[in-house]
Amino acid sequence: MNTLYLHVGPHKTGTTLIQKFLLDNQSHLFKKNVVYPKRFQKIFGHHEFRELIAERKLTQEIVDFFDEEHDFILSSEDFISLNKDDFSYLKDSIKSKNIVVLFSWRRASFKLYSIWQEVIKHGGTESFFSYYHEHLARPGASQMLSADLKLNMFSNVFGLRNIRILDYDASADNNSLLQDFISLTGMSWQPGFVTPEQNADAVNRSMDITDIEIIRALNQRFKVLFDIHGAEVRNQYAKHVASLDDCGLTELKAIVESYIQILNVGNYFIDVRCESIIVEKFKENILNYKPNTRIKTLRIAQPDWMLEPKAQDILQHITQKLKTVIEQ
């Protein structure tokens, strides 16, 4: 029986990079009898397939698509939001393939900062401290922090032997994420693989904390004043950032910078708890486990910067300019 590898992310574990890599190397993968299908794709990943599962729309024609004598890789960080019934439906629908889950495990306090930034980019308004506390208040119930909750679900549906885990932090330290992902599928690295050095746009890059905080403040203003939500504010800010100096952007960034504090993460209770549980239950499933000894330094802005009169004045000017652009 051939295999359907289901790469479920989660978010902020190099999924964009991996998906772009798989897309760029479809021909190399096919030589190994592995298909990364263009079907179901939205941007780089198979996000449409996630919707078909959630809506129970896996037709017989779709099921037959996977009857070919190949291994398949489907990748979407949105798969992680599906529940046990959804994955059971997938397993019951596609019986011609042994489904193997590929899961990237990233330590909780490292991941949460990146996810918070992504929330802000898509219209979020919570400060980092508020967002962080929401999850830390009940860490054992947070699937974002406690990876074992999702892994237990996958194990119950597909069987423990069909769960393969990549230690994202170890791969990041070794600069070997793509090589380790390929190993996770049982393939070997090929000299002809196209790598990110030839595709500089393959990485979903982080923004500076001053930009993130300003976008967060603008999200609040656009939501309250104009009922504008989502990523539009971030998109227009990024597109026109060079011209926002006319509104005082450089001075505003300096104000935000003056409220920056340093936070060391990596050895919090939730990190220690989660690592202990993961190793106890799933160590044999982890390709490249490496005990975490790293402390990461985060730059966090105290939200009081928005109370500065000068900051409010500059934000008002930027709001007016971006609103004009959005209306065009």
Protein backbone atom coordinates (compact mmCIF):
# COMPACT_ATOMS: atom_id res chain seq x y z
CA MET A 1 0.00 0.00 0.00
CA ASN A 2 1.30 3.44 -0.93
CA THR A 3 1.44 6.35 1.51
CA LEU A 4 -0.35 9.67 1.76
CA TYR A 5 1.88 11.99 3.78
CA LEU A 6 -0.24 14.65 5.48
CA HIS A 7 1.95 17.59 6.47
CA VAL A 8 -0.14 19.44 9.05
CA GLY A 9 2.27 22.23 10.00
CA PRO A 10 1.47 23.69 12.47
CA HIS A 11 1.72 27.42 11.74
CA LYS A 12 5.11 29.14 12.12
CA THR A 13 7.17 25.99 11.64
CA GLY A 14 8.57 26.74 8.19
CA THR A 15 5.49 25.56 6.28
CA THR A 16 5.74 28.22 3.55
CA LEU A 17 9.38 27.34 2.94
CA ILE A 18 8.62 23.60 2.83
CA GLN A 19 5.63 24.02 0.52
CA LYS A 20 7.55 26.22 -1.92
CA PHE A 21 10.41 23.72 -1.87
CA LEU A 22 8.07 20.81 -2.64
CA LEU A 23 6.41 22.79 -5.42
CA ASP A 24 9.75 23.70 -7.01
CA ASN A 25 10.94 20.08 -6.86
CA GLN A 26 7.89 18.24 -8.15
CA SER A 27 9.85 16.61 -10.96
CA HIS A 28 12.58 15.37 -8.61
CA LEU A 29 9.98 13.99 -6.22
CA PHE A 30 8.13 12.23 -9.04
CA LYS A 31 11.30 10.36 -9.93
CA LYS A 32 11.04 8.90 -6.42
CA ASN A 33 7.37 8.01 -7.07
CA VAL A 34 6.20 10.87 -4.81
CA VAL A 35 3.54 13.32 -6.02
CA TYR A 36 3.11 16.83 -4.64
CA PRO A 37 -0.08 17.60 -6.58
CA LYS A 38 -0.95 20.98 -8.03
CA ARG A 39 -4.56 20.03 -7.49
CA PHE A 40 -6.17 21.45 -4.32
CA GLN A 41 -3.44 24.12 -4.07
CA LYS A 42 -3.99 27.67 -2.98
CA ILE A 43 -0.73 29.66 -3.12
CA PHE A 44 1.82 26.93 -2.21
CA GLY A 45 -0.15 24.54 0.01
CA HIS A 46 -3.23 22.32 -0.26
CA HIS A 47 -5.53 24.60 1.70
CA GLU A 48 -8.51 23.79 -0.53
CA PHE A 49 -8.23 20.14 0.46
CA ARG A 50 -8.65 21.15 4.08
CA GLU A 51 -11.98 22.76 3.20
CA LEU A 52 -13.13 19.65 1.34
CA ILE A 53 -12.50 17.59 4.47
CA ALA A 54 -14.24 20.06 6.78
CA GLU A 55 -17.27 20.27 4.47
CA ARG A 56 -17.39 16.49 3.88
CA LYS A 57 -16.96 16.95 0.13
CA LEU A 58 -14.43 14.26 -0.76
CA THR A 59 -16.21 12.89 -3.81
CA GLN A 60 -15.57 9.51 -5.40
CA GLU A 61 -13.67 11.27 -8.19
CA ILE A 62 -11.34 12.81 -5.58
CA VAL A 63 -10.91 9.47 -3.84
CA ASP A 64 -10.04 7.86 -7.20
CA PHE A 65 -7.41 10.55 -7.75
CA PHE A 66 -5.39 9.00 -4.90
CA ASP A 67 -5.72 5.44 -6.27
CA GLU A 68 -2.67 5.96 -8.47
CA GLU A 69 0.32 3.81 -7.48
CA HIS A 70 2.28 6.73 -6.06
CA ASP A 71 3.01 8.19 -2.68
CA PHE A 72 1.45 11.62 -2.18
CA ILE A 73 2.37 14.62 -0.03
CA LEU A 74 -0.36 17.08 0.93
CA SER A 75 0.70 20.11 2.93
CA SER A 76 -1.33 22.79 4.70
CA GLU A 77 -0.79 24.44 8.06
CA ASP A 78 -4.59 24.79 8.13
CA PHE A 79 -4.95 21.01 8.52
CA ILE A 80 -4.04 21.52 12.18
CA SER A 81 -7.39 23.20 12.86
CA LEU A 82 -9.38 20.10 11.89
CA ASN A 83 -10.75 17.89 14.65
CA LYS A 84 -10.80 14.15 15.32
CA ASP A 85 -14.03 13.58 13.39
CA ASP A 86 -12.58 15.41 10.38
CA PHE A 87 -9.48 13.23 10.29
CA SER A 88 -11.53 10.09 10.83
CA TYR A 89 -13.61 11.11 7.81
CA LEU A 90 -10.40 11.49 5.76
CA LYS A 91 -9.13 8.07 6.84
CA ASP A 92 -12.45 6.39 6.06
CA SER A 93 -12.64 8.11 2.66
CA ILE A 94 -9.17 7.38 1.30
CA LYS A 95 -8.64 3.71 2.03
CA SER A 96 -6.16 3.04 -0.76
CA LYS A 97 -3.41 4.88 1.10
CA ASN A 98 -1.73 4.51 4.45
CA ILE A 99 -1.99 8.02 5.92
CA VAL A 100 1.11 9.24 7.75
CA VAL A 101 1.02 12.55 9.64
CA LEU A 102 4.08 14.81 9.42
CA PHE A 103 4.16 17.21 12.38
CA SER A 104 6.73 19.93 13.14
CA TRP A 105 7.14 20.44 16.88
CA ARG A 106 8.29 23.89 17.96
CA ARG A 107 8.74 24.86 21.62
CA ALA A 108 5.74 26.76 22.92
CA SER A 109 7.23 30.08 24.01
CA PHE A 110 9.28 30.33 20.80
CA LYS A 111 6.25 29.67 18.62
CA LEU A 112 3.74 31.87 20.44
CA TYR A 113 5.66 35.08 19.69
CA SER A 114 5.70 34.29 15.96
CA ILE A 115 2.02 33.39 15.96
CA TRP A 116 1.13 36.62 17.77
CA GLN A 117 2.96 38.57 15.06
CA GLU A 118 1.01 36.69 12.39
CA VAL A 119 -2.28 37.49 14.17
CA ILE A 120 -1.38 41.20 14.12
CA LYS A 121 -0.55 41.03 10.41
CA HIS A 122 -4.06 39.73 9.79
CA GLY A 123 -5.88 42.40 11.77
CA GLY A 124 -5.30 41.47 15.42
CA THR A 125 -5.29 44.15 18.12
CA GLU A 126 -4.19 42.38 21.32
CA SER A 127 -0.88 43.30 22.91
CA PHE A 128 1.68 40.53 23.18
CA PHE A 129 1.31 40.38 26.97
CA SER A 130 -2.46 39.99 26.75
CA TYR A 131 -2.20 37.35 24.03
CA TYR A 132 0.51 35.43 25.90
CA HIS A 133 -1.39 35.46 29.19
CA GLU A 134 -4.54 34.12 27.53
CA HIS A 135 -2.70 30.90 26.67
CA LEU A 136 -0.45 30.65 29.72
CA ALA A 137 -3.45 30.92 32.05
CA ARG A 138 -4.54 27.40 31.00
CA PRO A 139 -1.51 25.85 29.28
CA GLY A 140 -2.75 22.27 29.52
CA ALA A 141 -5.89 23.16 27.56
CA SER A 142 -4.14 25.25 24.89
CA GLN A 143 -3.51 23.17 21.78
CA MET A 144 -1.22 25.95 20.60
CA LEU A 145 1.06 25.46 23.60
CA SER A 146 0.55 21.76 24.35
CA ALA A 147 1.46 19.92 21.17
CA ASP A 148 0.76 16.59 22.87
CA LEU A 149 -3.00 17.29 22.65
CA LYS A 150 -2.93 17.27 18.83
CA LEU A 151 -0.43 14.42 18.66
CA ASN A 152 -2.64 12.27 20.87
CA MET A 153 -5.54 12.95 18.52
CA PHE A 154 -3.49 11.99 15.45
CA SER A 155 -2.32 8.84 17.23
CA ASN A 156 -5.90 7.84 18.07
CA VAL A 157 -7.04 8.27 14.47
CA PHE A 158 -4.08 7.03 12.41
CA GLY A 159 -2.09 4.96 14.92
CA LEU A 160 1.09 5.85 16.78
CA ARG A 161 3.37 4.30 14.17
CA ASN A 162 1.93 6.66 11.53
CA ILE A 163 2.98 9.82 13.36
CA ARG A 164 6.35 11.31 12.37
CA ILE A 165 7.64 14.34 14.24
CA LEU A 166 10.30 16.84 13.27
CA ASP A 167 12.01 18.80 16.05
CA TYR A 168 11.74 22.23 14.40
CA ASP A 169 14.05 23.95 16.89
CA ALA A 170 16.78 21.35 16.34
CA SER A 171 16.40 21.70 12.57
CA ALA A 172 16.55 25.49 12.82
CA ASP A 173 19.70 25.32 14.95
CA ASN A 174 21.32 23.02 12.39
CA ASN A 175 19.97 24.96 9.38
CA SER A 176 18.62 21.64 8.08
CA LEU A 177 14.84 22.06 7.97
CA LEU A 178 14.38 20.96 4.35
CA GLN A 179 16.82 18.07 4.62
CA ASP A 180 15.14 16.85 7.80
CA PHE A 181 11.68 17.15 6.26
CA ILE A 182 12.76 15.00 3.30
CA SER A 183 14.14 12.43 5.75
CA LEU A 184 10.79 12.45 7.52
CA THR A 185 9.21 11.03 4.35
CA GLY A 186 11.84 8.29 4.07
CA MET A 187 13.49 9.86 1.04
CA SER A 188 17.12 10.85 0.71
CA TRP A 189 18.35 14.32 -0.22
CA GLN A 190 19.04 14.75 -3.95
CA PRO A 191 21.89 16.96 -5.28
CA GLY A 192 19.54 18.43 -7.88
CA PHE A 193 16.98 19.77 -5.43
CA VAL A 194 16.17 23.46 -5.87
CA THR A 195 16.80 25.22 -2.56
CA PRO A 196 15.83 28.63 -1.10
CA GLU A 197 19.12 30.10 -2.29
CA GLN A 198 17.51 30.08 -5.74
CA ASN A 199 14.13 31.15 -4.31
CA ALA A 200 14.59 34.06 -1.93
CA ASP A 201 10.84 34.66 -1.78
CA ALA A 202 10.15 31.23 -0.28
CA VAL A 203 10.34 32.37 3.34
CA ASN A 204 7.55 34.10 5.23
CA ARG A 205 9.77 36.70 6.90
CA SER A 206 9.22 38.37 10.25
CA MET A 207 8.73 42.11 10.65
CA ASP A 208 10.48 44.33 13.17
CA ILE A 209 8.62 44.72 16.47
CA THR A 210 8.23 48.48 15.92
CA ASP A 211 6.38 47.83 12.65
CA ILE A 212 4.25 45.14 14.28
CA GLU A 213 3.25 47.47 17.12
CA ILE A 214 2.37 50.29 14.75
CA ILE A 215 0.28 47.94 12.62
CA ARG A 216 -1.45 46.73 15.80
CA ALA A 217 -2.33 50.33 16.70
CA LEU A 218 -3.56 51.01 13.16
CA ASN A 219 -5.66 47.83 13.26
CA GLN A 220 -7.44 49.20 16.34
CA ARG A 221 -8.11 52.54 14.67
CA PHE A 222 -9.37 51.09 11.39
CA LYS A 223 -11.58 48.60 13.22
CA VAL A 224 -13.22 51.24 15.44
CA LEU A 225 -13.37 54.14 13.00
CA PHE A 226 -14.04 52.43 9.68
CA ASP A 227 -15.03 48.82 10.47
CA ILE A 228 -12.06 47.61 8.40
CA HIS A 229 -10.70 44.23 9.51
CA GLY A 230 -8.17 41.67 8.31
CA ALA A 231 -4.84 42.07 6.55
CA GLU A 232 -5.67 45.17 4.47
CA VAL A 233 -4.04 47.58 6.93
CA ARG A 234 -0.82 45.54 7.02
CA ASN A 235 -0.78 45.19 3.24
CA GLN A 236 -1.15 48.92 2.62
CA TYR A 237 1.31 49.79 5.39
CA ALA A 238 3.96 47.51 3.85
CA LYS A 239 3.25 48.79 0.35
CA HIS A 240 3.52 52.47 1.26
CA VAL A 241 5.95 52.36 4.19
CA ALA A 242 8.60 54.33 2.29
CA SER A 243 6.24 57.28 1.90
CA LEU A 244 4.96 57.26 5.50
CA ASP A 245 7.95 59.26 6.71
CA ASP A 246 6.02 62.29 5.54
CA CYS A 247 3.60 61.48 8.37
CA GLY A 248 6.35 61.01 10.97
CA LEU A 249 6.86 57.23 10.81
CA THR A 250 10.55 57.39 11.79
CA GLU A 251 9.73 59.45 14.85
CA LEU A 252 6.91 57.08 15.75
CA LYS A 253 9.24 54.09 15.53
CA ALA A 254 11.61 55.86 17.89
CA ILE A 255 8.77 56.31 20.39
CA VAL A 256 7.90 52.61 20.19
CA GLU A 257 11.59 51.72 20.55
CA SER A 258 11.78 53.66 23.81
CA TYR A 259 9.15 51.32 25.29
CA ILE A 260 10.94 48.10 24.28
CA GLN A 261 11.82 45.60 26.98
CA ILE A 262 13.78 42.37 26.69
CA LEU A 263 12.11 39.05 27.50
CA ASN A 264 14.04 35.78 27.71
CA VAL A 265 12.01 32.67 26.82
CA GLY A 266 12.67 28.98 26.30
CA ASN A 267 12.76 27.70 29.87
CA TYR A 268 9.23 28.56 30.97
CA PHE A 269 7.10 26.01 32.81
CA ILE A 270 5.03 25.32 29.70
CA ASP A 271 8.18 24.58 27.68
CA VAL A 272 9.52 22.16 30.29
CA ARG A 273 6.11 20.52 30.76
CA CYS A 274 5.45 20.05 27.06
CA GLU A 275 8.94 18.74 26.29
CA SER A 276 8.68 16.20 29.10
CA ILE A 277 5.34 14.90 27.82
CA ILE A 278 6.40 14.83 24.16
CA VAL A 279 9.58 12.92 24.92
CA GLU A 280 7.78 10.48 27.22
CA LYS A 281 5.03 9.67 24.71
CA PHE A 282 6.54 10.26 21.29
CA LYS A 283 10.34 10.11 21.46
CA GLU A 284 10.48 7.14 19.07
CA ASN A 285 8.46 9.15 16.55
CA ILE A 286 10.81 12.17 16.55
CA LEU A 287 13.34 12.17 13.72
CA ASN A 288 15.91 14.53 15.23
CA TYR A 289 15.18 15.14 18.91
CA LYS A 290 17.60 17.51 20.63
CA PRO A 291 16.99 18.62 24.25
CA ASN A 292 16.40 22.35 24.34
CA THR A 293 19.06 24.41 26.09
CA ARG A 294 18.50 27.57 24.11
CA ILE A 295 17.15 30.79 25.59
CA LYS A 296 15.70 33.17 23.03
CA THR A 297 15.65 36.92 23.53
CA LEU A 298 12.45 38.66 22.46
CA ARG A 299 12.00 42.39 22.02
CA ILE A 300 8.56 43.35 23.36
CA ALA A 301 6.99 46.81 23.41
CA GLN A 302 5.02 47.93 26.44
CA PRO A 303 1.61 48.96 25.07
CA ASP A 304 1.71 52.30 26.92
CA TRP A 305 3.60 53.84 24.01
CA MET A 306 0.22 54.49 22.36
CA LEU A 307 -0.70 56.91 25.17
CA GLU A 308 2.04 59.33 24.14
CA PRO A 309 0.38 62.45 22.64
CA LYS A 310 2.95 62.63 19.86
CA ALA A 311 2.37 58.97 19.00
CA GLN A 312 -1.37 59.55 18.79
CA ASP A 313 -0.83 62.55 16.53
CA ILE A 314 1.42 60.62 14.12
CA LEU A 315 -0.93 57.62 14.12
CA GLN A 316 -3.75 59.94 13.13
CA HIS A 317 -1.78 61.24 10.14
CA ILE A 318 -0.82 57.70 9.04
CA THR A 319 -4.43 56.57 9.44
CA GLN A 320 -5.65 59.35 7.19
CA LYS A 321 -3.07 58.57 4.52
CA LEU A 322 -3.72 54.82 4.48
CA LYS A 323 -7.48 55.35 4.50
CA THR A 324 -7.15 57.46 1.35
CA VAL A 325 -5.10 54.73 -0.30
CA ILE A 326 -7.57 51.98 0.66
CA GLU A 327 -10.49 53.97 -0.77
CA GLN A 328 -8.79 54.45 -4.15
